[in-house]
N, C-alpha and C. Protein backbone atom coordinates (compact mmCIF):
# COMPACT_ATOMS: atom_id res chain seq x y z
N UNK A 1 -3.49 46.69 -86.50
CA UNK A 1 -3.96 46.37 -87.84
C UNK A 1 -5.49 46.21 -87.81
N UNK A 2 -6.16 46.86 -88.74
CA UNK A 2 -7.60 46.77 -88.85
C UNK A 2 -7.98 45.46 -89.55
N UNK A 3 -8.87 44.67 -88.95
CA UNK A 3 -9.26 43.42 -89.62
C UNK A 3 -10.09 43.71 -90.86
N UNK A 4 -10.02 42.82 -91.82
CA UNK A 4 -10.85 42.94 -93.01
C UNK A 4 -12.21 42.31 -92.73
N UNK A 5 -13.25 42.74 -93.42
CA UNK A 5 -14.57 42.14 -93.21
C UNK A 5 -14.55 40.64 -93.54
N UNK A 6 -15.31 39.90 -92.79
CA UNK A 6 -15.45 38.46 -93.02
C UNK A 6 -16.67 38.21 -93.90
N UNK A 7 -16.67 37.09 -94.57
CA UNK A 7 -17.83 36.70 -95.38
C UNK A 7 -18.87 36.05 -94.47
N UNK A 8 -20.13 36.31 -94.75
CA UNK A 8 -21.22 35.68 -94.00
C UNK A 8 -21.41 34.28 -94.57
N UNK A 9 -21.43 33.27 -93.74
CA UNK A 9 -21.52 31.88 -94.17
C UNK A 9 -22.96 31.36 -94.21
N UNK A 10 -23.64 31.38 -93.05
CA UNK A 10 -24.98 30.83 -93.00
C UNK A 10 -25.70 31.30 -91.75
N UNK A 11 -27.00 31.03 -91.72
CA UNK A 11 -27.82 31.28 -90.55
C UNK A 11 -28.57 29.99 -90.25
N UNK A 12 -28.78 29.70 -88.98
CA UNK A 12 -29.54 28.52 -88.57
C UNK A 12 -30.91 28.93 -88.09
N UNK A 13 -31.94 28.27 -88.59
CA UNK A 13 -33.32 28.56 -88.21
C UNK A 13 -33.96 27.32 -87.61
N UNK A 14 -34.63 27.48 -86.49
CA UNK A 14 -35.37 26.39 -85.87
C UNK A 14 -36.81 26.46 -86.36
N UNK A 15 -37.29 25.37 -86.93
CA UNK A 15 -38.63 25.32 -87.51
C UNK A 15 -39.41 24.15 -86.91
N UNK A 16 -40.74 24.25 -86.89
CA UNK A 16 -41.55 23.17 -86.31
C UNK A 16 -41.72 21.97 -87.23
N UNK A 17 -41.57 22.17 -88.53
CA UNK A 17 -41.80 21.11 -89.52
C UNK A 17 -40.74 21.26 -90.61
N UNK A 18 -39.71 20.44 -90.55
CA UNK A 18 -38.58 20.58 -91.47
C UNK A 18 -38.99 20.38 -92.92
N UNK A 19 -39.81 19.40 -93.20
CA UNK A 19 -40.21 19.15 -94.59
C UNK A 19 -40.98 20.33 -95.17
N UNK A 20 -41.90 20.90 -94.38
CA UNK A 20 -42.65 22.07 -94.84
C UNK A 20 -41.72 23.27 -95.02
N UNK A 21 -40.74 23.43 -94.14
CA UNK A 21 -39.81 24.56 -94.24
C UNK A 21 -38.91 24.43 -95.47
N UNK A 22 -38.43 23.22 -95.74
CA UNK A 22 -37.61 23.01 -96.95
C UNK A 22 -38.44 23.33 -98.18
N UNK A 23 -39.69 22.91 -98.19
CA UNK A 23 -40.57 23.20 -99.32
C UNK A 23 -40.77 24.71 -99.47
N UNK A 24 -41.05 25.41 -98.38
CA UNK A 24 -41.25 26.86 -98.45
C UNK A 24 -39.99 27.57 -98.94
N UNK A 25 -38.87 27.30 -98.31
CA UNK A 25 -37.65 28.03 -98.65
C UNK A 25 -37.10 27.66 -100.03
N UNK A 26 -37.44 26.49 -100.55
CA UNK A 26 -37.01 26.15 -101.91
C UNK A 26 -38.03 26.61 -102.95
N UNK A 27 -39.30 26.34 -102.73
CA UNK A 27 -40.31 26.65 -103.75
C UNK A 27 -40.74 28.12 -103.75
N UNK A 28 -40.81 28.76 -102.61
CA UNK A 28 -41.25 30.15 -102.54
C UNK A 28 -40.06 31.11 -102.62
N UNK A 29 -39.03 30.82 -101.83
CA UNK A 29 -37.87 31.70 -101.77
C UNK A 29 -36.84 31.39 -102.87
N UNK A 30 -36.93 30.21 -103.46
CA UNK A 30 -36.02 29.86 -104.55
C UNK A 30 -34.66 29.36 -104.11
N UNK A 31 -34.49 29.02 -102.83
CA UNK A 31 -33.20 28.54 -102.35
C UNK A 31 -32.93 27.14 -102.87
N UNK A 32 -31.66 26.83 -103.03
CA UNK A 32 -31.24 25.50 -103.47
C UNK A 32 -31.14 24.58 -102.26
N UNK A 33 -31.70 23.38 -102.36
CA UNK A 33 -31.53 22.39 -101.31
C UNK A 33 -30.21 21.67 -101.58
N UNK A 34 -29.27 21.82 -100.66
CA UNK A 34 -27.96 21.19 -100.86
C UNK A 34 -27.77 19.95 -99.98
N UNK A 35 -28.63 19.78 -98.98
CA UNK A 35 -28.69 18.53 -98.21
C UNK A 35 -30.13 18.31 -97.78
N UNK A 36 -30.71 17.22 -98.23
CA UNK A 36 -32.09 16.87 -97.89
C UNK A 36 -32.22 16.67 -96.38
N UNK A 37 -33.46 16.73 -95.86
CA UNK A 37 -33.65 16.49 -94.43
C UNK A 37 -33.02 15.18 -93.97
N UNK A 38 -32.29 15.28 -92.87
CA UNK A 38 -31.54 14.15 -92.32
C UNK A 38 -31.76 14.09 -90.82
N UNK A 39 -31.90 12.88 -90.30
CA UNK A 39 -32.08 12.65 -88.87
C UNK A 39 -30.70 12.57 -88.21
N UNK A 40 -30.54 13.25 -87.08
CA UNK A 40 -29.32 13.20 -86.28
C UNK A 40 -29.74 12.80 -84.87
N UNK A 41 -29.02 11.84 -84.30
CA UNK A 41 -29.36 11.32 -82.97
C UNK A 41 -28.21 11.56 -82.00
N UNK A 42 -28.54 11.80 -80.76
CA UNK A 42 -27.54 11.96 -79.72
C UNK A 42 -26.84 10.62 -79.50
N UNK A 43 -25.62 10.53 -80.01
CA UNK A 43 -24.84 9.30 -79.91
C UNK A 43 -23.35 9.65 -79.98
N UNK A 44 -22.50 8.65 -80.21
CA UNK A 44 -21.05 8.86 -80.24
C UNK A 44 -20.51 9.17 -81.63
N UNK A 45 -21.40 9.36 -82.63
CA UNK A 45 -20.93 9.72 -83.97
C UNK A 45 -20.33 11.12 -83.93
N UNK A 46 -19.57 11.47 -84.96
CA UNK A 46 -18.98 12.81 -85.01
C UNK A 46 -20.04 13.90 -84.90
N UNK A 47 -21.12 13.78 -85.68
CA UNK A 47 -22.17 14.81 -85.66
C UNK A 47 -22.93 14.77 -84.34
N UNK A 48 -23.15 13.59 -83.80
CA UNK A 48 -23.81 13.47 -82.50
C UNK A 48 -23.00 14.13 -81.39
N UNK A 49 -21.68 13.91 -81.41
CA UNK A 49 -20.81 14.53 -80.40
C UNK A 49 -20.77 16.05 -80.57
N UNK A 50 -20.70 16.52 -81.83
CA UNK A 50 -20.67 17.96 -82.08
C UNK A 50 -21.96 18.61 -81.56
N UNK A 51 -23.11 17.99 -81.80
CA UNK A 51 -24.38 18.55 -81.32
C UNK A 51 -24.41 18.56 -79.80
N UNK A 52 -23.89 17.53 -79.14
CA UNK A 52 -23.83 17.53 -77.69
C UNK A 52 -22.92 18.64 -77.18
N UNK A 53 -21.82 18.89 -77.89
CA UNK A 53 -20.95 20.02 -77.52
C UNK A 53 -21.73 21.33 -77.55
N UNK A 54 -22.58 21.50 -78.55
CA UNK A 54 -23.33 22.76 -78.73
C UNK A 54 -24.54 22.83 -77.79
N UNK A 55 -25.36 21.79 -77.77
CA UNK A 55 -26.65 21.82 -77.07
C UNK A 55 -26.59 21.27 -75.64
N UNK A 56 -25.51 20.58 -75.31
CA UNK A 56 -25.42 19.91 -74.02
C UNK A 56 -26.09 18.55 -74.08
N UNK A 57 -25.86 17.73 -73.07
CA UNK A 57 -26.47 16.40 -73.07
C UNK A 57 -27.99 16.48 -72.92
N UNK A 58 -28.68 15.50 -73.52
CA UNK A 58 -30.13 15.41 -73.40
C UNK A 58 -30.90 16.01 -74.56
N UNK A 59 -30.23 16.40 -75.63
CA UNK A 59 -30.96 16.97 -76.77
C UNK A 59 -31.71 15.89 -77.55
N UNK A 60 -31.34 14.66 -77.43
CA UNK A 60 -32.05 13.50 -77.96
C UNK A 60 -31.92 13.33 -79.47
N UNK A 61 -32.64 14.13 -80.26
CA UNK A 61 -32.54 13.99 -81.71
C UNK A 61 -33.00 15.28 -82.38
N UNK A 62 -32.64 15.40 -83.62
CA UNK A 62 -33.08 16.53 -84.43
C UNK A 62 -33.07 16.11 -85.88
N UNK A 63 -33.73 16.91 -86.70
CA UNK A 63 -33.65 16.76 -88.14
C UNK A 63 -33.04 18.03 -88.67
N UNK A 64 -32.25 17.92 -89.74
CA UNK A 64 -31.53 19.06 -90.28
C UNK A 64 -31.54 19.00 -91.80
N UNK A 65 -31.57 20.16 -92.43
CA UNK A 65 -31.42 20.28 -93.88
C UNK A 65 -30.60 21.52 -94.16
N UNK A 66 -29.91 21.53 -95.28
CA UNK A 66 -29.10 22.67 -95.68
C UNK A 66 -29.59 23.20 -97.01
N UNK A 67 -29.81 24.52 -97.08
CA UNK A 67 -30.19 25.19 -98.31
C UNK A 67 -29.20 26.32 -98.55
N UNK A 68 -29.23 26.89 -99.74
CA UNK A 68 -28.34 28.02 -100.05
C UNK A 68 -29.07 29.02 -100.92
N UNK A 69 -28.75 30.29 -100.69
CA UNK A 69 -29.30 31.38 -101.49
C UNK A 69 -28.50 31.53 -102.77
N UNK A 70 -28.95 32.42 -103.63
CA UNK A 70 -28.26 32.65 -104.91
C UNK A 70 -26.84 33.16 -104.72
N UNK A 71 -26.58 33.86 -103.61
CA UNK A 71 -25.24 34.39 -103.37
C UNK A 71 -24.44 33.51 -102.40
N UNK A 72 -24.82 32.23 -102.32
CA UNK A 72 -24.07 31.20 -101.59
C UNK A 72 -24.16 31.32 -100.07
N UNK A 73 -25.15 32.02 -99.56
CA UNK A 73 -25.37 32.08 -98.11
C UNK A 73 -26.20 30.87 -97.71
N UNK A 74 -25.76 30.18 -96.67
CA UNK A 74 -26.44 28.97 -96.23
C UNK A 74 -27.62 29.24 -95.32
N UNK A 75 -28.64 28.41 -95.47
CA UNK A 75 -29.79 28.40 -94.57
C UNK A 75 -29.86 26.99 -94.00
N UNK A 76 -29.47 26.88 -92.74
CA UNK A 76 -29.43 25.61 -92.04
C UNK A 76 -30.72 25.51 -91.24
N UNK A 77 -31.59 24.59 -91.61
CA UNK A 77 -32.89 24.44 -90.99
C UNK A 77 -32.86 23.28 -90.01
N UNK A 78 -33.34 23.51 -88.79
CA UNK A 78 -33.37 22.50 -87.74
C UNK A 78 -34.81 22.26 -87.30
N UNK A 79 -35.15 21.00 -87.10
CA UNK A 79 -36.39 20.63 -86.41
C UNK A 79 -35.94 19.86 -85.18
N UNK A 80 -36.05 20.49 -84.02
CA UNK A 80 -35.60 19.88 -82.78
C UNK A 80 -36.68 19.02 -82.17
N UNK A 81 -36.28 17.93 -81.57
CA UNK A 81 -37.18 17.06 -80.82
C UNK A 81 -37.81 17.89 -79.71
N UNK A 82 -39.14 17.89 -79.63
CA UNK A 82 -39.84 18.64 -78.58
C UNK A 82 -39.82 20.14 -78.78
N UNK A 83 -39.73 20.61 -80.03
CA UNK A 83 -39.67 22.05 -80.28
C UNK A 83 -40.96 22.73 -79.85
N UNK A 84 -40.85 24.02 -79.58
CA UNK A 84 -42.03 24.79 -79.17
C UNK A 84 -41.94 26.18 -79.76
N UNK A 85 -43.09 26.74 -80.08
CA UNK A 85 -43.16 28.09 -80.64
C UNK A 85 -42.91 29.12 -79.54
N UNK A 86 -42.20 30.19 -79.86
CA UNK A 86 -42.00 31.25 -78.86
C UNK A 86 -43.30 32.02 -78.63
N UNK A 87 -43.42 32.63 -77.46
CA UNK A 87 -44.59 33.47 -77.19
C UNK A 87 -44.56 34.72 -78.06
N UNK A 88 -43.36 35.24 -78.32
CA UNK A 88 -43.18 36.47 -79.10
C UNK A 88 -42.20 36.14 -80.23
N UNK A 89 -42.65 36.18 -81.47
CA UNK A 89 -41.76 35.83 -82.58
C UNK A 89 -40.93 37.01 -83.08
N UNK A 90 -41.03 38.15 -82.42
CA UNK A 90 -40.16 39.29 -82.73
C UNK A 90 -39.73 39.95 -81.41
N UNK A 91 -38.88 39.26 -80.64
CA UNK A 91 -38.46 39.79 -79.33
C UNK A 91 -37.37 40.86 -79.50
N UNK A 92 -37.73 41.99 -80.08
CA UNK A 92 -36.74 43.00 -80.46
C UNK A 92 -36.02 43.61 -79.27
N UNK A 93 -36.57 43.53 -78.09
CA UNK A 93 -35.88 44.08 -76.91
C UNK A 93 -34.93 43.05 -76.27
N UNK A 94 -35.06 41.81 -76.64
CA UNK A 94 -34.19 40.77 -76.09
C UNK A 94 -32.92 40.71 -76.92
N UNK A 95 -31.79 40.66 -76.27
CA UNK A 95 -30.52 40.57 -76.98
C UNK A 95 -30.47 39.32 -77.83
N UNK A 96 -29.80 39.40 -78.96
CA UNK A 96 -29.65 38.25 -79.85
C UNK A 96 -30.21 38.55 -81.22
N UNK A 97 -30.16 37.58 -82.06
CA UNK A 97 -30.65 37.72 -83.43
C UNK A 97 -32.18 37.82 -83.42
N UNK A 98 -32.72 38.80 -84.14
CA UNK A 98 -34.18 38.85 -84.21
C UNK A 98 -34.72 38.93 -85.63
N UNK A 99 -33.87 39.06 -86.64
CA UNK A 99 -34.33 38.92 -88.01
C UNK A 99 -33.13 38.79 -88.94
N UNK A 100 -33.42 38.41 -90.16
CA UNK A 100 -32.43 38.42 -91.25
C UNK A 100 -33.13 39.09 -92.42
N UNK A 101 -32.40 39.32 -93.50
CA UNK A 101 -33.01 40.00 -94.64
C UNK A 101 -32.65 39.29 -95.94
N UNK A 102 -33.59 39.33 -96.87
CA UNK A 102 -33.45 38.76 -98.21
C UNK A 102 -33.58 39.91 -99.20
N UNK A 103 -32.87 39.83 -100.29
CA UNK A 103 -32.96 40.86 -101.32
C UNK A 103 -33.62 40.29 -102.57
N UNK A 104 -34.60 41.03 -103.09
CA UNK A 104 -35.27 40.63 -104.32
C UNK A 104 -35.76 41.90 -105.02
N UNK A 105 -35.35 42.14 -106.27
CA UNK A 105 -35.81 43.34 -106.96
C UNK A 105 -37.32 43.35 -107.17
N UNK A 106 -37.94 42.15 -107.20
CA UNK A 106 -39.40 42.04 -107.29
C UNK A 106 -39.95 41.81 -105.89
N UNK A 107 -39.72 42.76 -105.01
CA UNK A 107 -40.13 42.66 -103.62
C UNK A 107 -41.62 42.34 -103.50
N UNK A 108 -42.44 43.05 -104.24
CA UNK A 108 -43.89 42.86 -104.17
C UNK A 108 -44.30 41.47 -104.65
N UNK A 109 -43.64 40.95 -105.67
CA UNK A 109 -43.93 39.61 -106.16
C UNK A 109 -43.57 38.55 -105.13
N UNK A 110 -42.40 38.68 -104.52
CA UNK A 110 -41.99 37.74 -103.47
C UNK A 110 -42.93 37.84 -102.28
N UNK A 111 -43.29 39.04 -101.90
CA UNK A 111 -44.24 39.24 -100.80
C UNK A 111 -45.55 38.52 -101.07
N UNK A 112 -46.07 38.63 -102.27
CA UNK A 112 -47.33 37.96 -102.62
C UNK A 112 -47.18 36.44 -102.53
N UNK A 113 -46.05 35.90 -102.99
CA UNK A 113 -45.82 34.45 -102.91
C UNK A 113 -45.71 33.98 -101.46
N UNK A 114 -45.06 34.78 -100.60
CA UNK A 114 -44.94 34.43 -99.18
C UNK A 114 -46.32 34.38 -98.53
N UNK A 115 -47.13 35.39 -98.77
CA UNK A 115 -48.48 35.44 -98.18
C UNK A 115 -49.33 34.30 -98.73
N UNK A 116 -49.24 34.02 -100.03
CA UNK A 116 -50.01 32.92 -100.63
C UNK A 116 -49.60 31.56 -100.05
N UNK A 117 -48.36 31.45 -99.59
CA UNK A 117 -47.86 30.18 -99.03
C UNK A 117 -48.11 30.07 -97.53
N UNK A 118 -48.84 31.03 -96.95
CA UNK A 118 -49.18 30.96 -95.53
C UNK A 118 -48.36 31.87 -94.64
N UNK A 119 -47.47 32.69 -95.23
CA UNK A 119 -46.72 33.66 -94.45
C UNK A 119 -47.56 34.90 -94.19
N UNK A 120 -46.96 35.88 -93.54
CA UNK A 120 -47.69 37.10 -93.20
C UNK A 120 -46.87 38.33 -93.58
N UNK A 121 -47.57 39.37 -93.95
CA UNK A 121 -46.98 40.69 -94.16
C UNK A 121 -47.13 41.45 -92.85
N UNK A 122 -46.04 41.91 -92.25
CA UNK A 122 -46.09 42.58 -90.94
C UNK A 122 -46.27 44.08 -91.04
N UNK A 123 -46.10 44.66 -92.21
CA UNK A 123 -46.17 46.12 -92.37
C UNK A 123 -46.40 46.44 -93.83
N UNK A 124 -46.76 47.68 -94.15
CA UNK A 124 -46.84 48.06 -95.56
C UNK A 124 -45.44 48.12 -96.18
N UNK A 125 -45.36 47.95 -97.48
CA UNK A 125 -44.09 48.15 -98.17
C UNK A 125 -43.71 49.62 -98.00
N UNK A 126 -42.50 49.86 -97.57
CA UNK A 126 -42.03 51.24 -97.34
C UNK A 126 -40.93 51.58 -98.35
N UNK A 127 -40.94 52.82 -98.80
CA UNK A 127 -39.89 53.34 -99.69
C UNK A 127 -38.94 54.17 -98.86
N UNK A 128 -37.65 53.95 -99.07
CA UNK A 128 -36.65 54.73 -98.34
C UNK A 128 -36.57 56.17 -98.84
N UNK A 129 -36.60 56.35 -100.13
CA UNK A 129 -36.47 57.70 -100.72
C UNK A 129 -37.53 57.87 -101.80
N UNK A 130 -38.79 58.05 -101.40
CA UNK A 130 -39.87 58.18 -102.40
C UNK A 130 -39.56 59.26 -103.42
N UNK A 131 -39.89 59.00 -104.66
CA UNK A 131 -39.71 59.92 -105.78
C UNK A 131 -38.26 60.24 -106.08
N UNK A 132 -37.33 59.59 -105.36
CA UNK A 132 -35.92 59.85 -105.58
C UNK A 132 -35.16 58.58 -105.99
N UNK A 133 -35.39 57.50 -105.24
CA UNK A 133 -34.72 56.22 -105.51
C UNK A 133 -35.71 55.09 -105.28
N UNK A 134 -35.54 53.99 -105.97
CA UNK A 134 -36.55 52.91 -105.90
C UNK A 134 -36.33 51.91 -104.76
N UNK A 135 -35.70 52.29 -103.67
CA UNK A 135 -35.39 51.37 -102.56
C UNK A 135 -36.64 51.12 -101.72
N UNK A 136 -37.00 49.83 -101.59
CA UNK A 136 -38.19 49.45 -100.84
C UNK A 136 -37.85 48.34 -99.85
N UNK A 137 -38.66 48.22 -98.80
CA UNK A 137 -38.48 47.16 -97.82
C UNK A 137 -39.81 46.81 -97.17
N UNK A 138 -39.86 45.60 -96.61
CA UNK A 138 -41.04 45.14 -95.89
C UNK A 138 -40.61 44.02 -94.94
N UNK A 139 -41.22 43.98 -93.77
CA UNK A 139 -41.03 42.87 -92.84
C UNK A 139 -42.15 41.85 -93.08
N UNK A 140 -41.78 40.57 -93.05
CA UNK A 140 -42.73 39.48 -93.25
C UNK A 140 -42.45 38.38 -92.23
N UNK A 141 -43.32 37.39 -92.22
CA UNK A 141 -43.11 36.16 -91.46
C UNK A 141 -43.27 34.99 -92.41
N UNK A 142 -42.44 33.97 -92.23
CA UNK A 142 -42.66 32.75 -92.99
C UNK A 142 -43.85 32.01 -92.36
N UNK A 143 -44.31 30.91 -92.92
CA UNK A 143 -45.48 30.21 -92.35
C UNK A 143 -45.25 29.66 -90.94
N UNK A 144 -43.99 29.70 -90.47
CA UNK A 144 -43.64 29.14 -89.16
C UNK A 144 -43.42 30.22 -88.11
N UNK A 145 -43.67 31.50 -88.50
CA UNK A 145 -43.55 32.61 -87.57
C UNK A 145 -42.17 33.24 -87.51
N UNK A 146 -41.25 32.83 -88.38
CA UNK A 146 -39.91 33.42 -88.40
C UNK A 146 -39.98 34.75 -89.15
N UNK A 147 -39.55 35.81 -88.49
CA UNK A 147 -39.63 37.16 -89.04
C UNK A 147 -38.38 37.45 -89.86
N UNK A 148 -38.58 38.00 -91.04
CA UNK A 148 -37.46 38.48 -91.84
C UNK A 148 -37.89 39.65 -92.68
N UNK A 149 -36.91 40.31 -93.26
CA UNK A 149 -37.10 41.52 -94.03
C UNK A 149 -36.81 41.22 -95.49
N UNK A 150 -37.49 41.92 -96.37
CA UNK A 150 -37.17 41.84 -97.81
C UNK A 150 -36.75 43.24 -98.24
N UNK A 151 -35.62 43.33 -98.91
CA UNK A 151 -35.12 44.57 -99.49
C UNK A 151 -35.20 44.47 -101.00
N UNK A 152 -35.47 45.58 -101.66
CA UNK A 152 -35.46 45.59 -103.12
C UNK A 152 -34.05 45.73 -103.68
N UNK A 153 -33.15 46.30 -102.89
CA UNK A 153 -31.78 46.57 -103.34
C UNK A 153 -30.80 46.07 -102.29
N UNK A 154 -29.54 46.03 -102.64
CA UNK A 154 -28.53 45.52 -101.73
C UNK A 154 -28.40 46.38 -100.48
N UNK A 155 -27.98 45.76 -99.42
CA UNK A 155 -27.81 46.42 -98.13
C UNK A 155 -26.83 47.60 -98.24
N UNK A 156 -25.67 47.33 -98.85
CA UNK A 156 -24.66 48.39 -98.91
C UNK A 156 -25.09 49.54 -99.81
N UNK A 157 -25.85 49.28 -100.86
CA UNK A 157 -26.34 50.35 -101.70
C UNK A 157 -27.40 51.17 -100.96
N UNK A 158 -28.29 50.49 -100.26
CA UNK A 158 -29.34 51.18 -99.53
C UNK A 158 -28.79 52.10 -98.44
N UNK A 159 -27.74 51.66 -97.74
CA UNK A 159 -27.24 52.43 -96.60
C UNK A 159 -25.95 53.20 -96.85
N UNK A 160 -25.35 53.08 -97.99
CA UNK A 160 -24.10 53.78 -98.25
C UNK A 160 -24.33 55.28 -98.38
N UNK A 161 -23.25 56.05 -98.19
CA UNK A 161 -23.36 57.51 -98.26
C UNK A 161 -23.91 57.96 -99.61
N UNK A 162 -23.54 57.27 -100.68
CA UNK A 162 -24.03 57.63 -102.00
C UNK A 162 -25.52 57.44 -102.15
N UNK A 163 -26.09 56.57 -101.34
CA UNK A 163 -27.53 56.32 -101.41
C UNK A 163 -28.32 57.51 -100.90
N UNK A 164 -27.68 58.39 -100.12
CA UNK A 164 -28.38 59.52 -99.54
C UNK A 164 -28.15 60.83 -100.26
N UNK A 165 -27.36 60.83 -101.31
CA UNK A 165 -27.09 62.09 -102.01
C UNK A 165 -28.17 62.43 -103.02
């Protein structure tokens, strides 16, 4: 039996400043804050034990906030005790997650707001099918160095067979 596709629930992002990240992702990206920044400590509480299960002993403490996109995808933001910036914020040759994507029909407007808020544009806006279809994309960084992509249209529309006819 072929499994059916699963729904995407959320992504977890490690940020250096949780309050600044909540502000960026809510005010610039328009995400809903569904849980304000909260302190979690390594202890015997349910959440403390769960974090020890995931991170192992010695994680000490973290701060966490939960946001959601318009289509109910969660953005779980973490500020870890003793966090450090990576040497390479786009380790594309290293296995694992290296970006996520956001969809906005006003790609250029969102791009301008990201740059105005301290983010970076990593490339020119590119058109998938110039003079044929209005599909556009661009890679950016948030003010904390997290790389993500912006699409003007949905993923399945951009890459479906009908998109190429």
